[in-house]
């Protein structure tokens, strides 16, 4: 079992329920935000970080109601997950830092996340000063807009759940780096072997005949070996 990292992160998952957030055709911001945030949560928890999410399903969720809970949770980092829409031509990731006493550390947090997002091939509009409610938290924060869903070029970078999860992973890498927690790559576990099946190609009472048959199998490229069996 992985040791606890003794770090906490709060995640405000933008919109939800009746509030769809930005909309483009049948694409709702609230759904993208949730997919990204759940993967972010999973990756942080995999590294021993304690996480508080504003929502983990498609339910009504007001940011103003969450931030008092986040403040009481006393996280080391506060994150807000959103997706942009504007005029159909604007594109790129952008992140907003806290502008209170934690502006410098917030800028570092935002820069770390931005670096990981760029590795996905996403363009960036840079780190900006926040005018959102997020700035009311007395801690380093990052308000994240992963891209513009009404821009076809931008949306192509996050138009599937797997691509959206990649953003969640990138966010996690940036946050963990800020928290001085080394990234641990996920490895595929080797399935447990419960049974072995042996193929028997013949039995002989005479060892010489057995050796002849063994050599014939090996000459054909069949892996074989001689095993003595006594009744």
Protein backbone atom coordinates (compact mmCIF):
# COMPACT_ATOMS: atom_id res chain seq x y z
CA UNK A 1 0.00 0.00 0.00
CA UNK A 2 1.32 3.45 -0.93
CA UNK A 3 2.20 5.74 1.96
CA UNK A 4 0.18 8.91 2.39
CA UNK A 5 1.86 11.99 0.97
CA UNK A 6 0.37 14.21 3.73
CA UNK A 7 -0.80 16.61 1.05
CA UNK A 8 -4.30 17.78 0.20
CA UNK A 9 -5.84 19.13 -3.01
CA UNK A 10 -9.33 20.55 -3.47
CA UNK A 11 -10.93 20.36 -6.92
CA UNK A 12 -13.85 22.52 -7.97
CA UNK A 13 -15.48 20.73 -10.91
CA UNK A 14 -17.10 23.43 -13.02
CA UNK A 15 -20.89 23.46 -13.46
CA UNK A 16 -23.02 20.30 -13.29
CA UNK A 17 -26.65 19.18 -13.20
CA UNK A 18 -28.94 21.87 -14.57
CA UNK A 19 -25.95 24.12 -15.23
CA UNK A 20 -24.33 22.79 -18.41
CA UNK A 21 -21.67 25.49 -18.59
CA UNK A 22 -20.43 26.28 -22.09
CA UNK A 23 -22.35 24.54 -24.88
CA UNK A 24 -21.49 23.80 -28.49
CA UNK A 25 -24.06 21.70 -30.32
CA UNK A 26 -24.57 18.62 -28.13
CA UNK A 27 -21.29 19.10 -26.29
CA UNK A 28 -21.62 20.30 -22.68
CA UNK A 29 -18.76 21.74 -20.68
CA UNK A 30 -20.00 20.10 -17.47
CA UNK A 31 -19.35 16.60 -18.86
CA UNK A 32 -15.82 17.40 -20.03
CA UNK A 33 -14.98 18.98 -16.69
CA UNK A 34 -16.16 15.91 -14.80
CA UNK A 35 -14.13 13.47 -16.93
CA UNK A 36 -11.00 15.57 -16.51
CA UNK A 37 -11.50 16.07 -12.77
CA UNK A 38 -12.16 12.42 -12.00
CA UNK A 39 -8.94 11.40 -13.74
CA UNK A 40 -7.08 14.18 -11.93
CA UNK A 41 -8.51 12.90 -8.64
CA UNK A 42 -7.55 9.31 -9.44
CA UNK A 43 -3.98 10.18 -10.33
CA UNK A 44 -3.48 12.35 -7.23
CA UNK A 45 -4.92 9.70 -4.93
CA UNK A 46 -2.70 7.10 -6.58
CA UNK A 47 0.22 9.15 -5.26
CA UNK A 48 -1.17 9.32 -1.74
CA UNK A 49 -2.71 12.81 -1.99
CA UNK A 50 -6.01 13.40 -0.19
CA UNK A 51 -8.57 14.98 -2.54
CA UNK A 52 -11.82 16.87 -1.99
CA UNK A 53 -14.01 17.23 -5.10
CA UNK A 54 -17.00 19.53 -5.41
CA UNK A 55 -18.80 16.75 -7.30
CA UNK A 56 -18.09 13.28 -8.64
CA UNK A 57 -21.23 12.94 -10.76
CA UNK A 58 -23.57 15.11 -12.85
CA UNK A 59 -25.33 16.95 -10.03
CA UNK A 60 -26.15 20.59 -9.35
CA UNK A 61 -23.05 22.21 -7.94
CA UNK A 62 -22.57 25.86 -7.05
CA UNK A 63 -18.99 27.01 -6.68
CA UNK A 64 -19.99 29.47 -3.97
CA UNK A 65 -21.20 26.55 -1.85
CA UNK A 66 -18.02 24.56 -2.35
CA UNK A 67 -15.35 27.08 -1.46
CA UNK A 68 -16.24 27.27 2.28
CA UNK A 69 -15.89 23.46 2.34
CA UNK A 70 -12.60 23.70 0.49
CA UNK A 71 -11.33 26.29 2.96
CA UNK A 72 -12.25 24.05 5.90
CA UNK A 73 -10.51 21.13 4.17
CA UNK A 74 -7.30 23.18 4.38
CA UNK A 75 -5.73 21.96 1.14
CA UNK A 76 -2.19 22.66 0.03
CA UNK A 77 -3.48 23.46 -3.46
CA UNK A 78 -6.86 24.50 -4.87
CA UNK A 79 -7.80 23.61 -8.44
CA UNK A 80 -10.78 24.66 -10.55
CA UNK A 81 -11.53 22.61 -13.69
CA UNK A 82 -13.31 24.32 -16.60
CA UNK A 83 -13.57 24.36 -20.40
CA UNK A 84 -13.82 27.51 -22.51
CA UNK A 85 -16.06 28.77 -25.32
CA UNK A 86 -16.11 32.20 -26.88
CA UNK A 87 -16.39 33.17 -30.53
CA UNK A 88 -15.40 30.04 -32.43
CA UNK A 89 -11.94 31.35 -33.31
CA UNK A 90 -10.29 31.68 -29.89
CA UNK A 91 -8.28 28.62 -28.93
CA UNK A 92 -5.78 27.29 -26.43
CA UNK A 93 -5.34 26.35 -22.79
CA UNK A 94 -5.22 29.10 -20.21
CA UNK A 95 -4.72 29.12 -16.46
CA UNK A 96 -5.50 31.79 -13.89
CA UNK A 97 -3.45 32.24 -10.73
CA UNK A 98 -4.51 33.44 -7.32
CA UNK A 99 -3.75 37.16 -6.94
CA UNK A 100 -3.74 37.46 -3.15
CA UNK A 101 -0.79 36.80 -0.83
CA UNK A 102 -0.23 33.51 -2.64
CA UNK A 103 0.24 35.03 -6.09
CA UNK A 104 3.87 33.93 -6.45
CA UNK A 105 3.33 30.32 -5.40
CA UNK A 106 0.15 30.23 -7.49
CA UNK A 107 2.14 31.37 -10.51
CA UNK A 108 4.59 28.52 -9.97
CA UNK A 109 1.76 26.01 -9.65
CA UNK A 110 0.13 27.32 -12.83
CA UNK A 111 3.41 27.26 -14.76
CA UNK A 112 4.01 23.64 -13.77
CA UNK A 113 0.57 22.60 -15.00
CA UNK A 114 0.92 24.65 -18.19
CA UNK A 115 4.21 22.90 -18.97
CA UNK A 116 2.57 19.47 -18.77
CA UNK A 117 -0.42 20.57 -20.87
CA UNK A 118 1.91 21.80 -23.62
CA UNK A 119 3.42 18.33 -23.76
CA UNK A 120 0.03 17.11 -24.99
CA UNK A 121 0.43 19.37 -28.02
CA UNK A 122 -2.06 21.94 -26.76
CA UNK A 123 -1.29 25.61 -27.34
CA UNK A 124 -1.40 27.95 -24.36
CA UNK A 125 -2.73 31.45 -23.87
CA UNK A 126 -0.52 31.75 -20.80
CA UNK A 127 -0.82 32.27 -17.06
CA UNK A 128 -3.16 35.11 -16.17
CA UNK A 129 -4.41 36.87 -13.05
CA UNK A 130 -7.62 35.40 -11.71
CA UNK A 131 -10.84 37.35 -11.34
CA UNK A 132 -12.75 34.26 -10.23
CA UNK A 133 -14.08 33.22 -6.82
CA UNK A 134 -11.10 30.89 -6.60
CA UNK A 135 -8.99 33.82 -5.42
CA UNK A 136 -10.90 33.88 -2.15
CA UNK A 137 -9.03 30.79 -0.99
CA UNK A 138 -5.96 31.53 1.21
CA UNK A 139 -3.66 29.15 -0.64
CA UNK A 140 -2.01 28.59 -4.05
CA UNK A 141 -4.70 28.05 -6.67
CA UNK A 142 -5.04 27.39 -10.39
CA UNK A 143 -8.21 27.99 -12.39
CA UNK A 144 -7.87 25.82 -15.50
CA UNK A 145 -9.53 26.26 -18.89
CA UNK A 146 -8.34 23.31 -21.00
CA UNK A 147 -9.43 24.75 -24.34
CA UNK A 148 -12.30 26.14 -26.43
CA UNK A 149 -14.97 23.57 -27.27
CA UNK A 150 -16.49 25.86 -29.95
CA UNK A 151 -13.22 25.86 -31.90
CA UNK A 152 -12.99 22.72 -34.05
CA UNK A 153 -9.18 22.66 -34.02
CA UNK A 154 -9.04 23.06 -30.26
CA UNK A 155 -11.85 20.61 -29.59
CA UNK A 156 -10.12 17.95 -31.68
CA UNK A 157 -7.56 17.77 -28.88
CA UNK A 158 -10.11 16.81 -26.25
CA UNK A 159 -13.09 15.37 -28.14
CA UNK A 160 -12.98 11.93 -26.49
CA UNK A 161 -12.97 10.78 -22.87
CA UNK A 162 -9.46 9.37 -23.31
CA UNK A 163 -8.11 12.71 -24.53
CA UNK A 164 -9.87 14.47 -21.66
CA UNK A 165 -8.31 12.04 -19.20
CA UNK A 166 -4.93 12.92 -20.67
CA UNK A 167 -5.54 16.51 -19.53
CA UNK A 168 -6.44 15.22 -16.07
CA UNK A 169 -3.15 13.33 -15.99
CA UNK A 170 -1.22 16.39 -17.18
CA UNK A 171 -2.82 18.49 -14.46
CA UNK A 172 -1.87 15.84 -11.88
CA UNK A 173 1.76 15.78 -13.05
CA UNK A 174 2.04 19.56 -12.74
CA UNK A 175 0.45 19.58 -9.28
CA UNK A 176 2.60 16.70 -8.01
CA UNK A 177 5.73 18.45 -9.25
CA UNK A 178 4.69 21.57 -7.35
CA UNK A 179 4.10 19.45 -4.23
CA UNK A 180 7.56 17.83 -4.67
CA UNK A 181 6.03 14.37 -5.18
CA UNK A 182 7.73 12.19 -7.78
CA UNK A 183 5.54 10.92 -10.59
CA UNK A 184 5.10 7.14 -10.59
CA UNK A 185 4.17 5.67 -13.94
CA UNK A 186 1.36 3.15 -13.98
CA UNK A 187 2.39 -0.39 -14.87
CA UNK A 188 0.22 -3.21 -16.07
CA UNK A 189 0.05 -5.96 -13.50
CA UNK A 190 1.03 -9.46 -14.58
CA UNK A 191 -2.04 -11.71 -14.44
CA UNK A 192 -1.86 -14.37 -11.75
CA UNK A 193 -1.31 -17.83 -13.22
CA UNK A 194 -3.71 -20.29 -11.62
CA UNK A 195 -3.25 -23.29 -13.96
CA UNK A 196 -0.61 -24.77 -16.25
CA UNK A 197 -1.50 -27.07 -19.12
CA UNK A 198 1.09 -29.56 -20.35
CA UNK A 199 1.14 -31.15 -23.81
CA UNK A 200 2.41 -34.73 -23.88
CA UNK A 201 3.76 -35.88 -27.26
CA UNK A 202 4.32 -39.53 -26.44
CA UNK A 203 5.36 -42.09 -23.83
CA UNK A 204 7.92 -44.85 -24.32
CA UNK A 205 9.09 -47.81 -22.24
CA UNK A 206 12.44 -47.66 -24.00
CA UNK A 207 14.60 -44.57 -23.36
CA UNK A 208 16.36 -44.86 -26.73
CA UNK A 209 13.05 -44.62 -28.59
CA UNK A 210 12.04 -41.70 -26.42
CA UNK A 211 15.26 -39.83 -27.31
CA UNK A 212 14.72 -40.46 -31.01
CA UNK A 213 11.18 -39.01 -30.79
CA UNK A 214 12.46 -36.04 -28.78
CA UNK A 215 15.07 -35.21 -31.42
CA UNK A 216 12.44 -35.42 -34.18
CA UNK A 217 10.29 -32.85 -32.36
CA UNK A 218 13.21 -30.49 -31.80
CA UNK A 219 14.20 -30.78 -35.46
CA UNK A 220 10.73 -29.47 -36.34
CA UNK A 221 11.17 -26.50 -33.99
CA UNK A 222 8.96 -27.91 -31.25
CA UNK A 223 10.12 -27.10 -27.72
CA UNK A 224 10.40 -30.46 -25.96
CA UNK A 225 12.22 -32.17 -23.15
CA UNK A 226 12.66 -35.67 -21.73
CA UNK A 227 11.03 -36.49 -18.40
CA UNK A 228 11.36 -39.80 -16.63
CA UNK A 229 8.19 -41.14 -15.05
CA UNK A 230 8.10 -44.18 -12.80
CA UNK A 231 4.95 -46.00 -11.74
